[in-house]
Amino acid sequence: MNQTQTKENQPEMASVLLGAGFALASLIILPAVAQRIGLGSSLTIALRGALMRAANRF
């Protein structure tokens, strides 16, 4: 792989990693934190939806 192909793949890889991070946060971290601080399930679902929409933008 040459230098040009590596530079072209970096923004794509960053987007994939960012999307994976949002997915991890919305599926695992957010519900755990919400349960710990006592958020209601409807608010947790709304926050999860917001994170997943943010992940789709990248």
N, C-alpha and C. Protein backbone atom coordinates (compact mmCIF):
# COMPACT_ATOMS: atom_id res chain seq x y z
N MET A 1 0.86 -1.17 0.00
CA MET A 1 0.00 0.00 0.00
C MET A 1 0.90 1.23 0.00
N ASN A 2 0.63 2.15 -0.91
CA ASN A 2 1.49 3.32 -0.96
C ASN A 2 0.94 4.43 -0.07
N GLN A 3 1.70 5.52 -0.01
CA GLN A 3 1.38 6.63 0.88
C GLN A 3 0.04 7.29 0.53
N THR A 4 -0.28 7.39 -0.75
CA THR A 4 -1.53 8.03 -1.17
C THR A 4 -2.74 7.23 -0.72
N GLN A 5 -2.70 5.92 -0.86
CA GLN A 5 -3.83 5.10 -0.43
C GLN A 5 -4.02 5.16 1.08
N THR A 6 -2.95 5.24 1.82
CA THR A 6 -3.04 5.32 3.28
C THR A 6 -3.71 6.63 3.70
N LYS A 7 -3.33 7.73 3.07
CA LYS A 7 -3.93 9.02 3.42
C LYS A 7 -5.40 9.08 3.03
N GLU A 8 -5.78 8.43 1.95
CA GLU A 8 -7.17 8.42 1.53
C GLU A 8 -8.04 7.60 2.48
N ASN A 9 -7.50 6.56 3.07
CA ASN A 9 -8.26 5.69 3.97
C ASN A 9 -8.38 6.24 5.38
N GLN A 10 -7.55 7.20 5.76
CA GLN A 10 -7.58 7.71 7.13
C GLN A 10 -8.90 8.36 7.50
N PRO A 11 -9.47 9.26 6.68
CA PRO A 11 -10.78 9.83 7.07
C PRO A 11 -11.88 8.77 7.15
N GLU A 12 -11.83 7.80 6.25
CA GLU A 12 -12.83 6.73 6.27
C GLU A 12 -12.70 5.90 7.55
N MET A 13 -11.47 5.59 7.92
CA MET A 13 -11.24 4.80 9.14
C MET A 13 -11.66 5.59 10.38
N ALA A 14 -11.40 6.88 10.38
CA ALA A 14 -11.80 7.72 11.51
C ALA A 14 -13.32 7.72 11.65
N SER A 15 -14.04 7.78 10.54
CA SER A 15 -15.50 7.75 10.59
C SER A 15 -16.01 6.42 11.12
N VAL A 16 -15.39 5.34 10.70
CA VAL A 16 -15.79 4.02 11.18
C VAL A 16 -15.55 3.90 12.68
N LEU A 17 -14.40 4.35 13.14
CA LEU A 17 -14.10 4.28 14.57
C LEU A 17 -15.03 5.18 15.39
N LEU A 18 -15.34 6.35 14.87
CA LEU A 18 -16.25 7.24 15.57
C LEU A 18 -17.65 6.64 15.65
N GLY A 19 -18.11 6.07 14.55
CA GLY A 19 -19.42 5.42 14.55
C GLY A 19 -19.47 4.23 15.50
N ALA A 20 -18.39 3.46 15.54
CA ALA A 20 -18.32 2.32 16.46
C ALA A 20 -18.32 2.80 17.91
N GLY A 21 -17.64 3.90 18.15
CA GLY A 21 -17.63 4.47 19.51
C GLY A 21 -19.00 4.92 19.95
N PHE A 22 -19.73 5.59 19.03
CA PHE A 22 -21.11 6.00 19.36
C PHE A 22 -22.00 4.78 19.60
N ALA A 23 -21.84 3.74 18.80
CA ALA A 23 -22.65 2.54 18.97
C ALA A 23 -22.35 1.89 20.32
N LEU A 24 -21.08 1.79 20.66
CA LEU A 24 -20.69 1.22 21.95
C LEU A 24 -21.28 2.04 23.10
N ALA A 25 -21.19 3.34 22.97
CA ALA A 25 -21.72 4.22 24.02
C ALA A 25 -23.23 4.07 24.16
N SER A 26 -23.93 3.98 23.04
CA SER A 26 -25.39 3.93 23.13
C SER A 26 -25.91 2.57 23.57
N LEU A 27 -25.19 1.51 23.26
CA LEU A 27 -25.69 0.17 23.59
C LEU A 27 -25.22 -0.34 24.95
N ILE A 28 -24.06 0.09 25.41
CA ILE A 28 -23.50 -0.47 26.64
C ILE A 28 -23.31 0.59 27.72
N ILE A 29 -22.59 1.64 27.39
CA ILE A 29 -22.20 2.61 28.40
C ILE A 29 -23.40 3.45 28.87
N LEU A 30 -24.19 3.96 27.94
CA LEU A 30 -25.32 4.80 28.30
C LEU A 30 -26.33 4.10 29.22
N PRO A 31 -26.78 2.87 28.91
CA PRO A 31 -27.72 2.22 29.83
C PRO A 31 -27.12 1.96 31.22
N ALA A 32 -25.84 1.64 31.26
CA ALA A 32 -25.20 1.39 32.56
C ALA A 32 -25.15 2.66 33.39
N VAL A 33 -24.78 3.76 32.78
CA VAL A 33 -24.72 5.03 33.49
C VAL A 33 -26.13 5.48 33.88
N ALA A 34 -27.08 5.32 32.98
CA ALA A 34 -28.45 5.72 33.27
C ALA A 34 -29.02 4.95 34.45
N GLN A 35 -28.74 3.66 34.50
CA GLN A 35 -29.22 2.85 35.62
C GLN A 35 -28.54 3.28 36.92
N ARG A 36 -27.27 3.60 36.82
CA ARG A 36 -26.51 3.98 38.02
C ARG A 36 -27.02 5.28 38.62
N ILE A 37 -27.38 6.25 37.76
CA ILE A 37 -27.83 7.54 38.29
C ILE A 37 -29.35 7.63 38.40
N GLY A 38 -30.04 6.60 37.93
CA GLY A 38 -31.49 6.53 38.13
C GLY A 38 -32.33 7.23 37.07
N LEU A 39 -31.84 7.32 35.83
CA LEU A 39 -32.66 7.90 34.76
C LEU A 39 -33.77 6.93 34.38
N GLY A 40 -34.86 7.47 33.95
CA GLY A 40 -35.97 6.65 33.50
C GLY A 40 -35.67 6.00 32.17
N SER A 41 -36.40 4.94 31.86
CA SER A 41 -36.13 4.20 30.62
C SER A 41 -36.46 5.02 29.38
N SER A 42 -37.49 5.85 29.45
CA SER A 42 -37.84 6.65 28.27
C SER A 42 -36.75 7.67 27.95
N LEU A 43 -36.16 8.27 28.97
CA LEU A 43 -35.07 9.21 28.75
C LEU A 43 -33.83 8.49 28.23
N THR A 44 -33.57 7.31 28.74
CA THR A 44 -32.44 6.51 28.27
C THR A 44 -32.61 6.15 26.79
N ILE A 45 -33.82 5.78 26.41
CA ILE A 45 -34.09 5.44 25.00
C ILE A 45 -33.93 6.67 24.12
N ALA A 46 -34.37 7.83 24.59
CA ALA A 46 -34.21 9.06 23.82
C ALA A 46 -32.74 9.41 23.64
N LEU A 47 -31.95 9.27 24.69
CA LEU A 47 -30.52 9.53 24.58
C LEU A 47 -29.84 8.53 23.65
N ARG A 48 -30.25 7.28 23.71
CA ARG A 48 -29.70 6.26 22.82
C ARG A 48 -30.01 6.59 21.36
N GLY A 49 -31.23 7.03 21.11
CA GLY A 49 -31.61 7.43 19.75
C GLY A 49 -30.79 8.61 19.25
N ALA A 50 -30.55 9.57 20.13
CA ALA A 50 -29.75 10.73 19.75
C ALA A 50 -28.32 10.33 19.41
N LEU A 51 -27.76 9.43 20.20
CA LEU A 51 -26.40 8.95 19.91
C LEU A 51 -26.33 8.18 18.61
N MET A 52 -27.33 7.37 18.34
CA MET A 52 -27.32 6.60 17.09
C MET A 52 -27.49 7.52 15.88
N ARG A 53 -28.32 8.57 16.01
CA ARG A 53 -28.42 9.54 14.90
C ARG A 53 -27.12 10.27 14.69
N ALA A 54 -26.43 10.60 15.78
CA ALA A 54 -25.13 11.26 15.65
C ALA A 54 -24.12 10.33 14.97
N ALA A 55 -24.20 9.05 15.29
CA ALA A 55 -23.28 8.08 14.66
C ALA A 55 -23.52 7.96 13.17
N ASN A 56 -24.77 8.09 12.75
CA ASN A 56 -25.09 7.98 11.32
C ASN A 56 -24.63 9.19 10.52
N ARG A 57 -24.38 10.29 11.17
CA ARG A 57 -23.95 11.50 10.46
C ARG A 57 -22.49 11.42 10.03
N PHE A 58 -21.71 10.57 10.67
CA PHE A 58 -20.28 10.49 10.34
C PHE A 58 -19.99 9.41 9.38
